[in-house]
Amino acid sequence: MKLIAIDLDGTLLNTESQISSENADAIRFAQNNGVHVVIATGRAHADVRALCKKAELVTPVIAANGATTHDENENKIESIPMDREIAFSILEWLEANEFYYEVLTDQAIYSPNQGHQLMSIEIDRALSANPEESMDRLLKLAEKQYEQTGIVRIPSYRNIPESAEIYNILSLSFDPEKLEKGRAQFRNDKNVAMVISADHNFEVEHPEASKGNALSKLASRLGVSMEETMAIGDSFNDVSMLSIVRHSVAMGNANPKIKELAKEVTLKNTEHGVAYAIERKLKKTAGE
């Protein structure tokens, strides 16, 4: 085992969006034993760095679902930005259909000024449609978006600086019909790749951007093969990397289809499943 790629939300992070000391220690253990570790996430690079700093972790970062890769010294070694006209046409549709959205760029995460209002409307509608829905759960999901490092509020996507490289557009809805409408709009669009990283969202990016492609390129730079690589994830935006490595691991809390795809299943993210997977794999490798 020479390289481990780890997703963040639902994988390395617990329900409080923190990296547990158990998971952090396991990553350092792997690094101290000569194993490269990379974080591979849909989040923006700056947001990932802030989370890793709290846990005293230093790793390369594949961010924006593979649209950017930075080395452990925070130097950008690759980026695959979206065509600006294509990105703006997507954002125009999202605004026209009153979707909450976030635009990940090299300068900031841009979100509309009325984002809180849109999210409040989404929560109210979800609670009205389903009285059994938990307000606390919805509020926690909303707060998770607001607490990201690097968010800048703007009147509209038209206010995104011309110099900004656009890497990823995330949109969400708690209304199943509205959510499916958004996913259907971009699912078969050849100008973009659409991925799903949570039950309530969808993301679009450059068609060549994916965690799998970014991981493959990083591994090549490090002189590591996919046979010597492990990937750990929980959702559909992890499929591209789980499907190309020899050692694919799904979290215990992963979507059932992700568990079927992966060769192994570890504990849940609330049970330090990343640490368990790393320690089990390295001990097994040492015994081979």
Protein backbone atom coordinates (compact mmCIF):
# COMPACT_ATOMS: atom_id res chain seq x y z
CA MET A 1 0.00 0.00 0.00
CA LYS A 2 1.57 3.27 -1.15
CA LEU A 3 -1.32 5.73 -1.57
CA ILE A 4 -4.66 6.28 0.21
CA ALA A 5 -7.35 8.66 -1.09
CA ILE A 6 -9.99 9.70 1.46
CA ASP A 7 -13.29 11.48 0.92
CA LEU A 8 -14.35 14.07 3.51
CA ASP A 9 -18.09 14.45 4.16
CA GLY A 10 -19.65 11.25 5.39
CA THR A 11 -16.21 9.62 5.43
CA LEU A 12 -13.35 11.37 7.21
CA LEU A 13 -15.63 13.93 8.86
CA ASN A 14 -18.04 13.03 11.65
CA THR A 15 -21.55 14.46 12.01
CA GLU A 16 -20.05 17.64 13.50
CA SER A 17 -17.92 18.13 10.37
CA GLN A 18 -14.75 17.44 12.35
CA ILE A 19 -11.84 15.05 11.83
CA SER A 20 -11.65 12.84 14.92
CA SER A 21 -8.33 12.37 16.69
CA GLU A 22 -8.58 8.64 15.89
CA ASN A 23 -8.82 9.31 12.16
CA ALA A 24 -6.08 11.95 12.26
CA ASP A 25 -3.74 9.62 14.16
CA ALA A 26 -4.37 6.84 11.63
CA ILE A 27 -3.49 9.14 8.75
CA ARG A 28 -0.27 10.23 10.43
CA PHE A 29 0.52 6.58 11.16
CA ALA A 30 0.19 5.77 7.46
CA GLN A 31 2.33 8.76 6.48
CA ASN A 32 5.00 7.82 9.00
CA ASN A 33 5.10 4.39 7.39
CA GLY A 34 5.79 5.78 3.94
CA VAL A 35 2.21 5.84 2.63
CA HIS A 36 1.01 8.91 0.73
CA VAL A 37 -2.42 10.17 1.86
CA VAL A 38 -4.58 12.55 -0.18
CA ILE A 39 -7.92 14.12 0.69
CA ALA A 40 -10.36 13.85 -2.24
CA THR A 41 -13.51 15.91 -1.83
CA GLY A 42 -16.16 18.03 -3.46
CA ARG A 43 -15.29 20.89 -1.11
CA ALA A 44 -13.13 23.86 -2.07
CA HIS A 45 -9.39 23.66 -1.41
CA ALA A 46 -9.37 26.52 1.13
CA ASP A 47 -12.17 24.89 3.10
CA VAL A 48 -10.29 21.57 3.20
CA ARG A 49 -7.11 23.25 4.40
CA ALA A 50 -8.98 24.88 7.28
CA LEU A 51 -10.40 21.51 8.37
CA CYS A 52 -7.03 19.77 8.09
CA LYS A 53 -5.26 22.53 10.00
CA LYS A 54 -7.55 21.94 12.99
CA ALA A 55 -6.59 18.27 12.93
CA GLU A 56 -2.89 19.08 12.36
CA LEU A 57 -2.86 17.14 9.08
CA VAL A 58 -0.78 17.97 6.03
CA THR A 59 -1.69 16.19 2.79
CA PRO A 60 -2.19 16.87 -0.90
CA VAL A 61 -5.80 17.83 -1.67
CA ILE A 62 -8.00 16.88 -4.59
CA ALA A 63 -10.85 19.39 -4.34
CA ALA A 64 -13.99 20.42 -6.23
CA ASN A 65 -14.59 16.76 -7.16
CA GLY A 66 -11.32 16.55 -9.03
CA ALA A 67 -11.28 19.96 -10.69
CA THR A 68 -8.24 21.03 -8.65
CA THR A 69 -5.24 19.30 -7.12
CA HIS A 70 -2.84 20.93 -4.67
CA ASP A 71 0.30 19.41 -3.19
CA GLU A 72 1.03 19.23 0.53
CA ASN A 73 2.62 22.69 0.36
CA GLU A 74 -0.63 24.19 -1.00
CA ASN A 75 0.79 24.67 -4.50
CA LYS A 76 -1.79 24.10 -7.24
CA ILE A 77 -0.45 21.41 -9.53
CA GLU A 78 -3.49 21.06 -11.76
CA SER A 79 -6.90 22.59 -12.41
CA ILE A 80 -9.70 21.93 -14.88
CA PRO A 81 -11.97 25.01 -14.93
CA MET A 82 -15.36 25.07 -16.59
CA ASP A 83 -16.01 27.09 -19.72
CA ARG A 84 -17.35 30.40 -18.41
CA GLU A 85 -20.22 30.64 -20.89
CA ILE A 86 -21.36 27.11 -20.06
CA ALA A 87 -21.10 27.83 -16.34
CA PHE A 88 -23.12 31.01 -16.69
CA SER A 89 -25.84 29.27 -18.70
CA ILE A 90 -26.17 26.72 -15.89
CA LEU A 91 -26.30 29.44 -13.25
CA GLU A 92 -28.88 31.36 -15.25
CA TRP A 93 -31.12 28.27 -15.23
CA LEU A 94 -30.59 27.72 -11.50
CA GLU A 95 -31.51 31.33 -10.69
CA ALA A 96 -34.56 31.21 -12.98
CA ASN A 97 -35.74 28.08 -11.17
CA GLU A 98 -34.95 29.48 -7.71
CA PHE A 99 -32.29 26.97 -6.70
CA TYR A 100 -29.80 27.64 -3.93
CA TYR A 101 -26.30 27.36 -5.41
CA GLU A 102 -22.60 27.74 -4.64
CA VAL A 103 -19.87 28.36 -7.20
CA LEU A 104 -16.41 27.04 -6.31
CA THR A 105 -13.63 29.13 -7.87
CA ASP A 106 -9.96 29.81 -7.33
CA GLN A 107 -10.85 33.05 -5.54
CA ALA A 108 -13.83 32.19 -3.33
CA ILE A 109 -17.03 30.19 -3.00
CA TYR A 110 -19.67 32.50 -4.42
CA SER A 111 -23.30 32.23 -3.33
CA PRO A 112 -26.25 34.60 -3.89
CA ASN A 113 -27.21 37.18 -1.29
CA GLN A 114 -30.67 35.65 -1.04
CA GLY A 115 -29.17 32.23 -0.30
CA HIS A 116 -30.44 32.18 3.28
CA GLN A 117 -33.92 33.13 2.09
CA LEU A 118 -33.90 30.39 -0.55
CA MET A 119 -32.74 27.85 2.03
CA SER A 120 -35.47 28.96 4.47
CA ILE A 121 -38.10 28.49 1.77
CA GLU A 122 -36.70 25.04 1.01
CA ILE A 123 -36.91 24.05 4.69
CA ASP A 124 -40.46 25.39 5.12
CA ARG A 125 -41.67 23.52 2.05
CA ALA A 126 -39.97 20.30 3.12
CA LEU A 127 -41.58 20.46 6.57
CA SER A 128 -45.01 21.23 5.09
CA ALA A 129 -44.78 18.35 2.61
CA ASN A 130 -43.48 15.89 5.19
CA PRO A 131 -44.50 16.57 8.83
CA GLU A 132 -42.22 13.73 9.95
CA GLU A 133 -39.17 15.51 8.59
CA SER A 134 -36.79 16.81 11.26
CA MET A 135 -36.23 20.55 11.34
CA ASP A 136 -33.00 19.99 13.27
CA ARG A 137 -31.69 17.76 10.48
CA LEU A 138 -32.53 20.30 7.78
CA LEU A 139 -31.04 23.17 9.78
CA LYS A 140 -27.86 21.19 10.30
CA LEU A 141 -27.59 20.56 6.55
CA ALA A 142 -28.09 24.27 5.88
CA GLU A 143 -25.54 25.30 8.50
CA LYS A 144 -23.02 22.91 6.96
CA GLN A 145 -23.19 24.97 3.76
CA TYR A 146 -22.97 28.32 5.55
CA GLU A 147 -19.96 27.35 7.67
CA GLN A 148 -17.61 26.65 4.78
CA THR A 149 -14.40 28.65 4.67
CA GLY A 150 -14.24 31.18 1.85
CA ILE A 151 -17.92 31.91 1.11
CA VAL A 152 -18.59 35.31 -0.44
CA ARG A 153 -22.14 36.58 -0.96
CA ILE A 154 -22.94 38.26 -4.28
CA PRO A 155 -26.12 39.70 -5.85
CA SER A 156 -25.96 37.23 -8.75
CA TYR A 157 -23.62 34.89 -10.62
CA ARG A 158 -23.02 37.82 -13.01
CA ASN A 159 -20.95 39.38 -10.23
CA ILE A 160 -18.37 36.57 -10.22
CA PRO A 161 -15.07 38.25 -11.18
CA GLU A 162 -14.00 37.70 -14.79
CA SER A 163 -10.58 36.60 -13.55
CA ALA A 164 -12.04 33.76 -11.47
CA GLU A 165 -11.68 30.17 -12.66
CA ILE A 166 -14.95 28.32 -12.10
CA TYR A 167 -14.42 24.73 -10.97
CA ASN A 168 -17.71 23.45 -9.66
CA ILE A 169 -21.35 24.49 -9.24
CA LEU A 170 -23.26 22.91 -6.37
CA SER A 171 -27.02 23.18 -6.03
CA LEU A 172 -29.43 21.66 -3.56
CA SER A 173 -33.09 21.22 -2.74
CA PHE A 174 -35.04 19.45 -0.01
CA ASP A 175 -37.98 19.05 -2.40
CA PRO A 176 -37.62 15.64 -4.14
CA GLU A 177 -39.47 16.77 -7.29
CA LYS A 178 -37.50 19.99 -7.61
CA LEU A 179 -34.26 18.15 -6.92
CA GLU A 180 -34.96 15.61 -9.65
CA LYS A 181 -35.86 18.41 -12.03
CA GLY A 182 -32.42 19.91 -11.47
CA ARG A 183 -30.61 16.60 -11.81
CA ALA A 184 -32.53 15.74 -14.98
CA GLN A 185 -31.63 19.10 -16.50
CA PHE A 186 -27.90 18.33 -16.42
CA ARG A 187 -27.70 14.54 -16.20
CA ASN A 188 -27.25 14.04 -19.95
CA ASP A 189 -25.58 17.37 -20.77
CA LYS A 190 -22.37 16.50 -22.63
CA ASN A 191 -20.89 19.89 -21.80
CA VAL A 192 -20.62 19.02 -18.12
CA ALA A 193 -20.23 16.14 -15.71
CA MET A 194 -22.91 15.89 -13.04
CA VAL A 195 -22.23 14.14 -9.74
CA ILE A 196 -24.25 13.61 -6.58
CA SER A 197 -22.47 13.90 -3.25
CA ALA A 198 -25.52 13.90 -0.94
CA ASP A 199 -29.19 12.92 -1.04
CA HIS A 200 -30.27 16.55 -1.40
CA ASN A 201 -27.80 17.94 -3.97
CA PHE A 202 -26.20 17.75 -7.40
CA GLU A 203 -22.98 19.25 -8.74
CA VAL A 204 -21.77 20.08 -12.23
CA GLU A 205 -18.23 20.59 -13.46
CA HIS A 206 -15.96 20.17 -16.48
CA PRO A 207 -16.63 16.79 -18.16
CA GLU A 208 -13.01 15.72 -17.61
CA ALA A 209 -13.03 16.59 -13.91
CA SER A 210 -13.51 13.72 -11.47
CA LYS A 211 -11.91 12.38 -8.33
CA GLY A 212 -10.82 9.30 -10.26
CA ASN A 213 -9.02 11.24 -13.00
CA ALA A 214 -7.33 13.50 -10.47
CA LEU A 215 -6.26 10.56 -8.31
CA SER A 216 -4.85 8.72 -11.32
CA LYS A 217 -2.78 11.76 -12.32
CA LEU A 218 -1.53 12.35 -8.79
CA ALA A 219 -0.58 8.68 -8.41
CA SER A 220 1.38 8.89 -11.65
CA ARG A 221 3.27 11.95 -10.34
CA LEU A 222 4.10 9.98 -7.19
CA GLY A 223 5.12 6.87 -9.12
CA VAL A 224 2.32 4.81 -7.61
CA SER A 225 0.04 2.37 -9.43
CA MET A 226 -3.68 1.85 -8.85
CA GLU A 227 -2.78 -1.65 -7.63
CA GLU A 228 -0.97 0.04 -4.73
CA THR A 229 -3.76 2.52 -4.00
CA MET A 230 -6.74 2.51 -1.64
CA ALA A 231 -9.77 4.81 -1.83
CA ILE A 232 -12.36 5.35 0.89
CA GLY A 233 -15.75 6.97 0.28
CA ASP A 234 -19.46 6.96 0.90
CA SER A 235 -21.30 8.57 -2.02
CA PHE A 236 -21.72 8.67 -5.79
CA ASN A 237 -19.06 11.33 -6.37
CA ASP A 238 -16.59 8.74 -5.03
CA VAL A 239 -17.42 6.14 -7.68
CA SER A 240 -14.80 7.37 -10.14
CA MET A 241 -11.98 6.71 -7.67
CA LEU A 242 -13.44 3.61 -6.00
CA SER A 243 -13.76 1.94 -9.38
CA ILE A 244 -10.13 2.35 -10.45
CA VAL A 245 -8.20 1.31 -7.33
CA ARG A 246 -7.39 -2.19 -6.18
CA HIS A 247 -8.42 -1.48 -2.60
CA SER A 248 -11.85 0.19 -2.59
CA VAL A 249 -13.52 0.77 0.77
CA ALA A 250 -17.07 1.97 1.45
CA MET A 251 -18.05 3.53 4.75
CA GLY A 252 -20.51 1.72 7.00
CA ASN A 253 -22.87 4.67 6.47
CA ALA A 254 -22.39 4.68 2.69
CA ASN A 255 -25.17 4.46 0.16
CA PRO A 256 -26.03 0.75 -0.37
CA LYS A 257 -24.99 0.96 -4.03
CA ILE A 258 -21.57 2.26 -2.99
CA LYS A 259 -21.20 -0.68 -0.60
CA GLU A 260 -21.99 -3.05 -3.48
CA LEU A 261 -19.36 -1.39 -5.66
CA ALA A 262 -16.56 -1.42 -3.07
CA LYS A 263 -14.50 -4.50 -2.28
CA GLU A 264 -14.66 -3.81 1.46
CA VAL A 265 -16.91 -2.03 3.95
CA THR A 266 -15.52 -0.33 7.06
CA LEU A 267 -17.19 1.19 10.12
CA LYS A 268 -19.37 4.32 9.98
CA ASN A 269 -17.95 7.85 9.95
CA THR A 270 -19.24 8.23 13.50
CA GLU A 271 -17.19 5.17 14.48
CA HIS A 272 -13.84 6.35 13.05
CA GLY A 273 -14.29 4.11 10.02
CA VAL A 274 -11.35 5.67 8.19
CA ALA A 275 -8.98 4.80 11.03
CA TYR A 276 -10.31 1.26 11.13
CA ALA A 277 -9.87 0.82 7.37
CA ILE A 278 -6.33 2.21 7.36
CA GLU A 279 -5.13 0.20 10.34
CA ARG A 280 -6.71 -3.01 9.04
CA LYS A 281 -5.25 -2.58 5.57
CA LEU A 282 -1.74 -1.66 6.70
CA LYS A 283 -1.60 -4.58 9.13
CA LYS A 284 -2.81 -6.92 6.40
CA THR A 285 -0.28 -5.53 3.92
CA ALA A 286 2.52 -5.90 6.46
CA GLY A 287 1.57 -9.56 6.87
CA GLU A 288 1.61 -10.34 3.15
